[in-house]
């Protein structure tokens, strides 16, 4: 088995979100917090070829992504700047490079099957709606039945959890059912002065590990290592953050046969996993 680097993405801006969609595309959100600028990009997920680059909605900062489905990004704005409450749904087709519908009054909840669920605030509670995501048309008014909505949300979360994603978890000695994992991580502890938690992910016979090690300068180096467990051999070793005093987490994940690895919060490298 091996990891083959496909491409890199680096604009020297902080990468805020990395979203592989269900249609062979990769959405990347970057932010410059001091300048209050947000940028959105779309790449072909296998090749890295650009489809959309440096897109900014009318509001260049107080905006975010709720979801990505097919060739559409569903943006939200905020009820007030500097406040977390989302407001509005803005459907942007990144192939056509245009908004196909907008509803500034509703707030996104979740997707389930072919419907988008949303709500608006009322004096006491909420009114819920099911929407056609292709055109924004309300196809069902659910009133304030929050029990029904919670059941639908649970179903939506269950479907999304099986969508080809693998995310790292924190290593705890003796918990894994595979003794090879404990053996590899114990050897890393013997070879490095590890600080903080160790994150790991298993994909078939490949172990991926993220950890921080104290260096001679009194700071930390952040390492990513991938191991072929069947051979006990390292197939990728990278320093993904150098001389930092911060603990970086959420630096990698797997979607289907691709590894997404973040360097220094500004550079993304995508690897194909070959078994």
Protein backbone atom coordinates (compact mmCIF):
# COMPACT_ATOMS: atom_id res chain seq x y z
CA UNK A 1 0.00 0.00 0.00
CA UNK A 2 1.10 3.60 -0.54
CA UNK A 3 0.03 7.23 -0.49
CA UNK A 4 0.41 9.05 -3.79
CA UNK A 5 0.28 12.85 -3.68
CA UNK A 6 -2.27 14.17 -6.17
CA UNK A 7 -2.04 17.96 -5.68
CA UNK A 8 -1.60 20.81 -3.22
CA UNK A 9 -3.64 23.93 -2.53
CA UNK A 10 -1.96 26.95 -0.94
CA UNK A 11 -2.87 30.65 -1.05
CA UNK A 12 -1.15 31.48 2.26
CA UNK A 13 -4.55 32.12 3.85
CA UNK A 14 -6.11 30.24 6.73
CA UNK A 15 -8.13 27.29 5.45
CA UNK A 16 -11.38 27.34 7.38
CA UNK A 17 -13.29 24.41 5.91
CA UNK A 18 -12.60 21.51 3.53
CA UNK A 19 -15.77 19.94 2.10
CA UNK A 20 -15.71 17.05 -0.38
CA UNK A 21 -19.18 16.89 -1.93
CA UNK A 22 -21.16 13.96 -3.29
CA UNK A 23 -20.44 14.89 -6.90
CA UNK A 24 -16.66 14.65 -7.30
CA UNK A 25 -15.93 18.22 -6.22
CA UNK A 26 -13.97 19.75 -3.33
CA UNK A 27 -15.09 23.02 -1.72
CA UNK A 28 -12.51 25.03 0.26
CA UNK A 29 -13.28 28.05 2.43
CA UNK A 30 -10.45 30.44 3.34
CA UNK A 31 -10.60 33.39 5.74
CA UNK A 32 -8.50 36.44 6.51
CA UNK A 33 -9.94 37.46 9.86
CA UNK A 34 -8.06 40.74 10.27
CA UNK A 35 -9.02 41.94 6.78
CA UNK A 36 -12.53 40.46 7.22
CA UNK A 37 -12.44 38.61 3.91
CA UNK A 38 -13.71 35.12 3.07
CA UNK A 39 -12.89 33.26 -0.15
CA UNK A 40 -14.48 30.16 -1.66
CA UNK A 41 -12.97 27.70 -4.11
CA UNK A 42 -14.11 24.58 -5.93
CA UNK A 43 -11.72 21.95 -7.32
CA UNK A 44 -12.14 18.64 -9.12
CA UNK A 45 -11.52 16.35 -6.18
CA UNK A 46 -9.36 13.83 -8.08
CA UNK A 47 -7.17 16.23 -10.07
CA UNK A 48 -7.24 19.53 -8.17
CA UNK A 49 -8.27 21.37 -11.35
CA UNK A 50 -9.95 24.68 -10.49
CA UNK A 51 -13.66 25.13 -11.16
CA UNK A 52 -14.22 28.19 -8.96
CA UNK A 53 -11.49 30.41 -7.54
CA UNK A 54 -11.56 33.25 -4.97
CA UNK A 55 -15.34 33.61 -5.09
CA UNK A 56 -16.80 36.13 -2.63
CA UNK A 57 -20.52 36.71 -2.05
CA UNK A 58 -21.79 40.30 -1.73
CA UNK A 59 -21.06 40.16 2.00
CA UNK A 60 -17.38 39.31 1.91
CA UNK A 61 -17.02 38.11 5.51
CA UNK A 62 -20.26 37.68 7.46
CA UNK A 63 -21.24 34.59 5.48
CA UNK A 64 -20.64 30.85 5.78
CA UNK A 65 -21.48 27.44 4.32
CA UNK A 66 -24.38 25.39 5.61
CA UNK A 67 -24.08 22.50 3.17
CA UNK A 68 -22.87 21.44 -0.28
CA UNK A 69 -25.05 19.23 -2.46
CA UNK A 70 -24.27 18.28 -6.05
CA UNK A 71 -23.11 21.52 -7.71
CA UNK A 72 -24.67 23.92 -5.20
CA UNK A 73 -23.27 25.62 -2.09
CA UNK A 74 -25.93 26.63 0.44
CA UNK A 75 -24.64 29.76 2.16
CA UNK A 76 -25.98 31.53 5.23
CA UNK A 77 -25.59 35.04 6.57
CA UNK A 78 -25.90 36.13 10.21
CA UNK A 79 -28.73 37.76 12.10
CA UNK A 80 -26.14 40.29 13.35
CA UNK A 81 -22.38 40.64 12.75
CA UNK A 82 -20.26 39.08 15.51
CA UNK A 83 -23.24 36.97 16.58
CA UNK A 84 -23.42 33.21 15.90
CA UNK A 85 -27.10 32.97 14.91
CA UNK A 86 -27.48 32.07 11.23
CA UNK A 87 -30.07 33.74 9.01
CA UNK A 88 -31.06 33.17 5.39
CA UNK A 89 -30.40 30.48 2.78
CA UNK A 90 -28.55 31.41 -0.43
CA UNK A 91 -28.14 28.66 -3.04
CA UNK A 92 -25.10 29.23 -5.27
CA UNK A 93 -24.46 27.05 -8.34
CA UNK A 94 -20.66 26.93 -8.61
CA UNK A 95 -20.73 25.56 -12.17
CA UNK A 96 -23.01 28.33 -13.46
CA UNK A 97 -21.33 30.75 -11.02
CA UNK A 98 -24.62 32.31 -10.00
CA UNK A 99 -27.16 32.24 -7.17
CA UNK A 100 -30.13 30.16 -8.28
CA UNK A 101 -32.39 31.14 -5.36
CA UNK A 102 -32.34 33.07 -2.10
CA UNK A 103 -34.54 33.09 0.99
CA UNK A 104 -33.36 35.68 3.53
CA UNK A 105 -36.12 34.81 6.04
CA UNK A 106 -35.54 31.10 6.66
CA UNK A 107 -32.66 29.35 8.46
CA UNK A 108 -31.14 26.06 7.30
CA UNK A 109 -31.51 22.92 9.43
CA UNK A 110 -30.48 19.82 7.46
CA UNK A 111 -30.88 17.80 4.27
CA UNK A 112 -32.78 14.54 4.11
CA UNK A 113 -33.21 12.65 0.86
CA UNK A 114 -34.42 15.21 -1.71
CA UNK A 115 -35.58 17.90 0.72
CA UNK A 116 -33.93 20.75 2.59
CA UNK A 117 -35.44 21.48 6.02
CA UNK A 118 -35.50 24.99 7.45
CA UNK A 119 -37.28 27.16 9.99
CA UNK A 120 -38.20 30.69 10.83
CA UNK A 121 -38.43 32.20 14.29
CA UNK A 122 -41.75 33.21 15.74
CA UNK A 123 -42.57 34.91 19.04
CA UNK A 124 -42.61 31.56 20.84
CA UNK A 125 -40.79 28.73 19.11
CA UNK A 126 -40.29 28.00 15.43
CA UNK A 127 -42.19 27.12 12.27
CA UNK A 128 -40.60 24.38 10.16
CA UNK A 129 -40.63 23.88 6.40
CA UNK A 130 -39.46 21.40 3.78
CA UNK A 131 -37.98 23.02 0.69
CA UNK A 132 -37.17 21.90 -2.85
CA UNK A 133 -33.39 22.60 -2.95
CA UNK A 134 -33.45 23.06 -6.74
CA UNK A 135 -35.60 26.18 -6.70
CA UNK A 136 -36.27 27.15 -3.08
CA UNK A 137 -39.99 26.37 -3.29
CA UNK A 138 -41.67 25.41 0.00
CA UNK A 139 -43.14 21.94 -0.56
CA UNK A 140 -44.36 21.24 2.97
CA UNK A 141 -45.31 23.35 5.97
CA UNK A 142 -44.63 21.43 9.19
CA UNK A 143 -45.74 24.16 11.61
CA UNK A 144 -44.08 23.84 15.05
CA UNK A 145 -43.83 20.02 15.26
CA UNK A 146 -40.34 19.86 16.77
CA UNK A 147 -40.61 16.17 17.70
CA UNK A 148 -41.14 15.26 14.06
CA UNK A 149 -38.25 17.50 13.01
CA UNK A 150 -35.93 15.92 15.59
CA UNK A 151 -36.73 12.45 14.23
CA UNK A 152 -35.92 13.61 10.70
CA UNK A 153 -32.69 15.25 11.91
CA UNK A 154 -31.58 11.99 13.58
CA UNK A 155 -32.24 10.13 10.32
CA UNK A 156 -30.24 12.73 8.40
CA UNK A 157 -27.26 12.46 10.78
CA UNK A 158 -27.31 8.67 10.52
CA UNK A 159 -27.16 8.81 6.72
CA UNK A 160 -24.36 11.39 6.70
CA UNK A 161 -22.24 9.34 9.14
CA UNK A 162 -21.97 6.56 6.55
CA UNK A 163 -20.94 8.81 3.66
CA UNK A 164 -17.37 7.56 3.18
CA UNK A 165 -15.72 9.80 5.82
CA UNK A 166 -13.14 8.68 8.37
CA UNK A 167 -12.05 11.09 11.11
CA UNK A 168 -9.26 10.66 13.67
CA UNK A 169 -9.89 9.93 17.33
CA UNK A 170 -7.79 10.39 20.45
CA UNK A 171 -5.56 7.42 21.28
CA UNK A 172 -6.06 5.68 24.63
CA UNK A 173 -3.68 2.87 25.49
CA UNK A 174 -5.26 -0.58 25.61
CA UNK A 175 -8.57 0.48 24.05
CA UNK A 176 -7.86 -0.61 20.47
CA UNK A 177 -8.64 -4.20 19.53
CA UNK A 178 -5.54 -4.30 17.30
CA UNK A 179 -2.29 -4.74 19.33
CA UNK A 180 -0.26 -3.45 16.36
CA UNK A 181 -1.66 0.04 16.99
CA UNK A 182 -0.45 0.07 20.61
CA UNK A 183 2.92 -1.26 19.51
CA UNK A 184 3.46 1.45 16.85
CA UNK A 185 2.28 4.29 19.09
CA UNK A 186 4.36 3.07 22.02
CA UNK A 187 7.43 3.09 19.76
CA UNK A 188 6.62 6.70 18.79
CA UNK A 189 6.44 7.60 22.48
CA UNK A 190 9.84 6.01 23.06
CA UNK A 191 11.42 7.87 20.13
CA UNK A 192 9.82 11.30 20.73
CA UNK A 193 9.08 13.62 23.64
CA UNK A 194 5.34 13.71 22.93
CA UNK A 195 3.22 16.52 24.36
CA UNK A 196 -0.56 16.55 24.38
CA UNK A 197 -2.90 14.01 22.84
CA UNK A 198 -2.20 11.61 20.00
CA UNK A 199 -4.80 11.42 17.23
CA UNK A 200 -5.06 8.32 15.08
CA UNK A 201 -7.16 6.84 12.30
CA UNK A 202 -7.31 3.32 10.89
CA UNK A 203 -8.21 2.65 7.26
CA UNK A 204 -7.97 -1.08 6.56
CA UNK A 205 -4.29 -1.88 7.29
CA UNK A 206 -3.12 1.74 7.27
CA UNK A 207 -2.55 3.59 10.55
CA UNK A 208 -2.39 7.41 10.42
CA UNK A 209 -1.14 9.35 13.43
CA UNK A 210 -0.92 13.05 14.36
CA UNK A 211 1.13 14.13 17.40
CA UNK A 212 3.26 16.97 18.83
CA UNK A 213 6.84 16.52 19.99
CA UNK A 214 9.03 18.93 21.97
CA UNK A 215 12.09 20.14 20.05
CA UNK A 216 15.47 21.58 21.10
CA UNK A 217 14.21 25.16 20.74
CA UNK A 218 11.63 24.79 23.49
CA UNK A 219 8.66 24.70 21.10
CA UNK A 220 6.70 21.91 19.42
CA UNK A 221 6.87 20.19 16.06
CA UNK A 222 3.65 18.63 14.78
CA UNK A 223 4.11 15.30 12.96
CA UNK A 224 1.89 13.21 10.71
CA UNK A 225 2.90 9.61 10.07
CA UNK A 226 1.24 6.83 8.08
CA UNK A 227 2.15 3.20 8.67
CA UNK A 228 1.48 0.05 6.67
CA UNK A 229 0.53 -2.23 9.56
CA UNK A 230 0.85 -5.38 7.48
CA UNK A 231 4.57 -4.65 6.97
CA UNK A 232 5.27 -2.43 10.00
CA UNK A 233 6.64 0.16 7.55
CA UNK A 234 6.22 3.95 7.45
CA UNK A 235 4.86 5.06 4.07
CA UNK A 236 4.56 8.80 4.79
CA UNK A 237 6.24 11.02 7.39
CA UNK A 238 5.63 14.77 7.39
CA UNK A 239 6.20 17.72 9.72
CA UNK A 240 2.92 19.56 9.27
CA UNK A 241 3.64 22.41 11.74
CA UNK A 242 7.12 23.55 12.78
CA UNK A 243 8.19 25.31 15.98
CA UNK A 244 4.71 26.02 17.27
CA UNK A 245 3.45 26.60 20.81
CA UNK A 246 -0.08 25.57 19.86
CA UNK A 247 -1.61 22.12 19.65
CA UNK A 248 -3.06 21.58 16.18
CA UNK A 249 -5.92 19.10 15.84
CA UNK A 250 -8.30 18.25 12.99
CA UNK A 251 -5.33 18.26 10.60
CA UNK A 252 -6.36 15.26 8.52
CA UNK A 253 -9.27 13.08 7.47
CA UNK A 254 -10.13 10.48 4.82
CA UNK A 255 -12.97 10.54 2.30
CA UNK A 256 -13.34 7.39 0.22
CA UNK A 257 -9.85 6.76 -1.23
CA UNK A 258 -8.38 10.21 -0.56
CA UNK A 259 -6.39 11.57 2.39
CA UNK A 260 -6.71 15.31 3.10
CA UNK A 261 -3.72 16.62 5.06
CA UNK A 262 -3.43 20.20 6.33
CA UNK A 263 -0.03 21.88 6.78
CA UNK A 264 0.19 24.93 9.04
CA UNK A 265 -3.52 25.68 8.57
CA UNK A 266 -2.82 27.28 5.18
CA UNK A 267 -1.71 24.45 2.86
CA UNK A 268 -3.75 21.43 1.87
CA UNK A 269 -2.23 18.36 0.26
CA UNK A 270 -4.40 15.57 -1.13
CA UNK A 271 -3.13 11.99 -1.41
CA UNK A 272 -4.65 8.97 -3.09
CA UNK A 273 -4.71 5.86 -0.91
CA UNK A 274 -3.60 2.83 -2.90
CA UNK A 275 -4.05 -0.58 -1.28
